[in-house]
PDB file of N, CA and C in Angstrom:
ATOM      1  N   UNK A   1      15.240  14.875  -4.909  1.00  0.00           N
ATOM      2  CA  UNK A   1      16.444  14.112  -5.023  1.00  0.00           C
ATOM      3  C   UNK A   1      17.203  13.627  -3.320  1.00  0.00           C
ATOM      4  N   UNK A   2      17.571  14.465  -2.999  1.00  0.00           N
ATOM      5  CA  UNK A   2      18.391  14.341  -2.004  1.00  0.00           C
ATOM      6  C   UNK A   2      17.798  14.227  -0.351  1.00  0.00           C
ATOM      7  N   UNK A   3      16.848  14.225  -0.510  1.00  0.00           N
ATOM      8  CA  UNK A   3      15.272  13.453   0.517  1.00  0.00           C
ATOM      9  C   UNK A   3      14.784  12.479   0.277  1.00  0.00           C
ATOM     10  N   UNK A   4      14.587  12.110  -0.610  1.00  0.00           N
ATOM     11  CA  UNK A   4      13.827  11.119  -1.205  1.00  0.00           C
ATOM     12  C   UNK A   4      14.295  10.125  -1.647  1.00  0.00           C
ATOM     13  N   UNK A   5      14.842  10.141  -3.381  1.00  0.00           N
ATOM     14  CA  UNK A   5      15.398   9.141  -3.740  1.00  0.00           C
ATOM     15  C   UNK A   5      16.578   8.465  -3.280  1.00  0.00           C
ATOM     16  N   UNK A   6      17.452   9.503  -2.977  1.00  0.00           N
ATOM     17  CA  UNK A   6      18.996   9.006  -2.713  1.00  0.00           C
ATOM     18  C   UNK A   6      19.001   7.962  -1.568  1.00  0.00           C
ATOM     19  N   UNK A   7      18.487   8.493  -0.740  1.00  0.00           N
ATOM     20  CA  UNK A   7      18.214   7.503   0.586  1.00  0.00           C
ATOM     21  C   UNK A   7      17.354   6.365   0.193  1.00  0.00           C
ATOM     22  N   UNK A   8      16.675   6.438  -0.661  1.00  0.00           N
ATOM     23  CA  UNK A   8      16.108   4.852  -0.865  1.00  0.00           C
ATOM     24  C   UNK A   8      17.145   3.955  -1.622  1.00  0.00           C
ATOM     25  N   UNK A   9      17.517   5.036  -2.688  1.00  0.00           N
ATOM     26  CA  UNK A   9      18.669   3.911  -3.696  1.00  0.00           C
ATOM     27  C   UNK A   9      19.344   3.534  -2.933  1.00  0.00           C
ATOM     28  N   UNK A  10      19.708   4.147  -1.570  1.00  0.00           N
ATOM     29  CA  UNK A  10      21.384   3.613  -0.704  1.00  0.00           C
ATOM     30  C   UNK A  10      20.917   2.833  -0.212  1.00  0.00           C
ATOM     31  N   UNK A  11      19.615   2.348   0.489  1.00  0.00           N
ATOM     32  CA  UNK A  11      19.047   1.349   1.037  1.00  0.00           C
ATOM     33  C   UNK A  11      18.826  -0.172   0.113  1.00  0.00           C
ATOM     34  N   UNK A  12      18.237   0.037  -1.133  1.00  0.00           N
ATOM     35  CA  UNK A  12      18.188  -0.776  -1.971  1.00  0.00           C
ATOM     36  C   UNK A  12      19.158  -2.440  -2.026  1.00  0.00           C
ATOM     37  N   UNK A  13      20.588  -2.173  -1.804  1.00  0.00           N
ATOM     38  CA  UNK A  13      21.788  -3.453  -1.796  1.00  0.00           C
ATOM     39  C   UNK A  13      20.655  -3.737  -0.633  1.00  0.00           C
ATOM     40  N   UNK A  14      20.800  -3.262   1.027  1.00  0.00           N
ATOM     41  CA  UNK A  14      21.013  -4.202   1.711  1.00  0.00           C
ATOM     42  C   UNK A  14      19.267  -5.151   1.761  1.00  0.00           C
ATOM     43  N   UNK A  15      18.050  -3.967   1.019  1.00  0.00           N
ATOM     44  CA  UNK A  15      16.950  -4.773   1.088  1.00  0.00           C
ATOM     45  C   UNK A  15      17.132  -5.615   0.330  1.00  0.00           C
ATOM     46  N   UNK A  16      17.793  -6.051  -0.672  1.00  0.00           N
ATOM     47  CA  UNK A  16      17.960  -7.296  -1.961  1.00  0.00           C
ATOM     48  C   UNK A  16      18.510  -8.732  -0.933  1.00  0.00           C
ATOM     49  N   UNK A  17      19.238  -8.024   0.009  1.00  0.00           N
ATOM     50  CA  UNK A  17      20.371  -9.142   0.526  1.00  0.00           C
ATOM     51  C   UNK A  17      19.281  -9.609   1.460  1.00  0.00           C
ATOM     52  N   UNK A  18      18.817  -8.633   2.442  1.00  0.00           N
ATOM     53  CA  UNK A  18      18.060  -8.990   3.397  1.00  0.00           C
ATOM     54  C   UNK A  18      16.689  -9.946   2.618  1.00  0.00           C
ATOM     55  N   UNK A  19      16.476 -10.068   1.768  1.00  0.00           N
ATOM     56  CA  UNK A  19      15.523 -10.431   0.790  1.00  0.00           C
ATOM     57  C   UNK A  19      16.168 -11.732   0.011  1.00  0.00           C
ATOM     58  N   UNK A  20      17.474 -11.986   0.162  1.00  0.00           N
ATOM     59  CA  UNK A  20      18.059 -13.027  -0.430  1.00  0.00           C
ATOM     60  C   UNK A  20      17.659 -12.728  -1.562  1.00  0.00           C
ATOM     61  N   UNK A  21      17.744 -11.906  -2.493  1.00  0.00           N
ATOM     62  CA  UNK A  21      17.665 -11.421  -3.646  1.00  0.00           C
ATOM     63  C   UNK A  21      16.484 -12.105  -3.998  1.00  0.00           C
ATOM     64  N   UNK A  22      15.347 -12.082  -3.683  1.00  0.00           N
ATOM     65  CA  UNK A  22      13.922 -13.102  -4.540  1.00  0.00           C
ATOM     66  C   UNK A  22      13.759 -12.087  -5.553  1.00  0.00           C
ATOM     67  N   UNK A  23      13.055 -12.496  -6.649  1.00  0.00           N
ATOM     68  CA  UNK A  23      12.537 -12.228  -7.443  1.00  0.00           C
ATOM     69  C   UNK A  23      11.663 -11.267  -7.436  1.00  0.00           C
ATOM     70  N   UNK A  24      10.296 -11.323  -6.593  1.00  0.00           N
ATOM     71  CA  UNK A  24       9.617 -10.137  -6.307  1.00  0.00           C
ATOM     72  C   UNK A  24      10.575  -8.888  -5.195  1.00  0.00           C
ATOM     73  N   UNK A  25      11.654  -8.904  -4.842  1.00  0.00           N
ATOM     74  CA  UNK A  25      12.439  -7.781  -4.390  1.00  0.00           C
ATOM     75  C   UNK A  25      13.157  -7.181  -4.943  1.00  0.00           C
ATOM     76  N   UNK A  26      13.800  -7.825  -6.006  1.00  0.00           N
ATOM     77  CA  UNK A  26      13.760  -7.284  -7.229  1.00  0.00           C
ATOM     78  C   UNK A  26      13.244  -6.549  -7.922  1.00  0.00           C
ATOM     79  N   UNK A  27      12.004  -6.656  -8.184  1.00  0.00           N
ATOM     80  CA  UNK A  27      11.351  -6.289  -9.167  1.00  0.00           C
ATOM     81  C   UNK A  27      10.885  -5.034  -8.699  1.00  0.00           C
ATOM     82  N   UNK A  28      10.776  -4.903  -7.474  1.00  0.00           N
ATOM     83  CA  UNK A  28      10.576  -3.895  -6.393  1.00  0.00           C
ATOM     84  C   UNK A  28      11.769  -2.720  -6.477  1.00  0.00           C
ATOM     85  N   UNK A  29      12.680  -3.088  -6.643  1.00  0.00           N
ATOM     86  CA  UNK A  29      13.742  -2.096  -6.815  1.00  0.00           C
ATOM     87  C   UNK A  29      13.700  -1.784  -8.359  1.00  0.00           C
ATOM     88  N   UNK A  30      13.568  -2.389  -9.465  1.00  0.00           N
ATOM     89  CA  UNK A  30      13.083  -2.523 -10.644  1.00  0.00           C
ATOM     90  C   UNK A  30      12.341  -1.398 -11.103  1.00  0.00           C
ATOM     91  N   UNK A  31      11.665  -1.387 -10.289  1.00  0.00           N
ATOM     92  CA  UNK A  31       9.931  -0.840 -10.302  1.00  0.00           C
ATOM     93  C   UNK A  31      10.514   0.906  -9.650  1.00  0.00           C
ATOM     94  N   UNK A  32      11.149   0.826  -8.449  1.00  0.00           N
ATOM     95  CA  UNK A  32      11.531   1.992  -7.983  1.00  0.00           C
ATOM     96  C   UNK A  32      12.666   2.748  -8.819  1.00  0.00           C
ATOM     97  N   UNK A  33      13.581   2.370  -9.010  1.00  0.00           N
ATOM     98  CA  UNK A  33      14.497   2.896 -10.103  1.00  0.00           C
ATOM     99  C   UNK A  33      14.014   3.182 -11.074  1.00  0.00           C
ATOM    100  N   UNK A  34      13.223   2.593 -11.767  1.00  0.00           N
ATOM    101  CA  UNK A  34      12.146   3.358 -13.372  1.00  0.00           C
ATOM    102  C   UNK A  34      11.435   4.403 -12.671  1.00  0.00           C
ATOM    103  N   UNK A  35      11.045   4.465 -11.320  1.00  0.00           N
ATOM    104  CA  UNK A  35      10.479   5.789 -10.663  1.00  0.00           C
ATOM    105  C   UNK A  35      11.195   6.740 -10.786  1.00  0.00           C
ATOM    106  N   UNK A  36      12.544   6.572 -10.230  1.00  0.00           N
ATOM    107  CA  UNK A  36      13.778   7.395 -10.045  1.00  0.00           C
ATOM    108  C   UNK A  36      13.982   7.802 -11.695  1.00  0.00           C
ATOM    109  N   UNK A  37      14.255   7.275 -12.108  1.00  0.00           N
ATOM    110  CA  UNK A  37      14.661   7.491 -13.870  1.00  0.00           C
ATOM    111  C   UNK A  37      13.539   8.584 -14.693  1.00  0.00           C
ATOM    112  N   UNK A  38      12.296   8.155 -13.974  1.00  0.00           N
ATOM    113  CA  UNK A  38      11.104   9.056 -14.784  1.00  0.00           C
ATOM    114  C   UNK A  38      11.536  10.651 -13.850  1.00  0.00           C
ATOM    115  N   UNK A  39      11.621  10.420 -13.050  1.00  0.00           N
ATOM    116  CA  UNK A  39      11.509  11.737 -12.074  1.00  0.00           C
ATOM    117  C   UNK A  39      13.099  12.274 -12.659  1.00  0.00           C
ATOM    118  N   UNK A  40      14.025  11.861 -12.842  1.00  0.00           N
ATOM    119  CA  UNK A  40      15.427  12.212 -13.430  1.00  0.00           C
ATOM    120  C   UNK A  40      15.227  12.964 -15.029  1.00  0.00           C
ATOM    121  N   UNK A  41      14.632  12.808 -15.323  1.00  0.00           N
ATOM    122  CA  UNK A  41      14.241  12.752 -16.957  1.00  0.00           C
ATOM    123  C   UNK A  41      13.292  14.394 -16.930  1.00  0.00           C
ATOM    124  N   UNK A  42      12.500  14.346 -15.953  1.00  0.00           N
ATOM    125  CA  UNK A  42      11.256  14.702 -16.258  1.00  0.00           C
ATOM    126  C   UNK A  42      10.921  15.808 -15.063  1.00  0.00           C
ATOM    127  N   UNK A  43      11.867  15.958 -14.308  1.00  0.00           N
ATOM    128  CA  UNK A  43      12.106  16.518 -13.095  1.00  0.00           C
ATOM    129  C   UNK A  43      11.338  18.280 -13.225  1.00  0.00           C
ATOM    130  N   UNK A  44      11.210  18.605 -14.067  1.00  0.00           N
ATOM    131  CA  UNK A  44      10.993  20.215 -14.299  1.00  0.00           C
ATOM    132  C   UNK A  44       9.820  19.960 -14.533  1.00  0.00           C
ATOM    133  N   UNK A  45       8.786  18.965 -14.687  1.00  0.00           N
ATOM    134  CA  UNK A  45       7.510  18.493 -14.909  1.00  0.00           C
ATOM    135  C   UNK A  45       6.645  17.889 -13.924  1.00  0.00           C
ATOM    136  N   UNK A  46       7.603  17.356 -12.430  1.00  0.00           N
ATOM    137  CA  UNK A  46       7.170  16.346 -12.279  1.00  0.00           C
ATOM    138  C   UNK A  46       6.855  16.674 -10.692  1.00  0.00           C
ATOM    139  N   UNK A  47       6.079  16.851 -10.407  1.00  0.00           N
ATOM    140  CA  UNK A  47       5.460  16.910  -8.644  1.00  0.00           C
ATOM    141  C   UNK A  47       5.072  16.374  -8.059  1.00  0.00           C
ATOM    142  N   UNK A  48       4.691  15.742  -6.684  1.00  0.00           N
ATOM    143  CA  UNK A  48       3.734  15.176  -5.792  1.00  0.00           C
ATOM    144  C   UNK A  48       2.836  15.784  -5.298  1.00  0.00           C
ATOM    145  N   UNK A  49       1.650  15.602  -5.049  1.00  0.00           N
ATOM    146  CA  UNK A  49       0.893  16.674  -3.893  1.00  0.00           C
ATOM    147  C   UNK A  49       0.145  15.049  -2.839  1.00  0.00           C
ATOM    148  N   UNK A  50      -0.071  15.390  -1.350  1.00  0.00           N
ATOM    149  CA  UNK A  50      -0.389  15.008  -1.103  1.00  0.00           C
ATOM    150  C   UNK A  50      -1.389  15.600  -0.354  1.00  0.00           C
ATOM    151  N   UNK A  51      -2.452  14.888   0.368  1.00  0.00           N
ATOM    152  CA  UNK A  51      -3.737  15.486   0.828  1.00  0.00           C
ATOM    153  C   UNK A  51      -4.226  14.843   2.121  1.00  0.00           C
ATOM    154  N   UNK A  52      -4.614  15.433   2.437  1.00  0.00           N
ATOM    155  CA  UNK A  52      -5.127  14.711   3.877  1.00  0.00           C
ATOM    156  C   UNK A  52      -6.555  15.394   4.139  1.00  0.00           C
ATOM    157  N   UNK A  53      -7.302  14.266   4.623  1.00  0.00           N
ATOM    158  CA  UNK A  53      -8.809  14.609   4.609  1.00  0.00           C
ATOM    159  C   UNK A  53      -8.776  14.368   6.039  1.00  0.00           C
ATOM    160  N   UNK A  54      -9.864  15.247   6.948  1.00  0.00           N
ATOM    161  CA  UNK A  54     -10.077  14.758   7.784  1.00  0.00           C
ATOM    162  C   UNK A  54     -12.003  14.822   8.357  1.00  0.00           C
TER     163      UNK A  54
END
């Protein structure tokens, strides 16, 4: 939360303002908030994996 979602949430208001509260920017914020809610609800079972192929 502290290294990913909290910094992202802190920028939502500025992002919306920068984009004149457009419908599309609002949808992006809503989608990200939904992902954050899922993580908070299921954080014990939720993880990310990143793979880099060379």
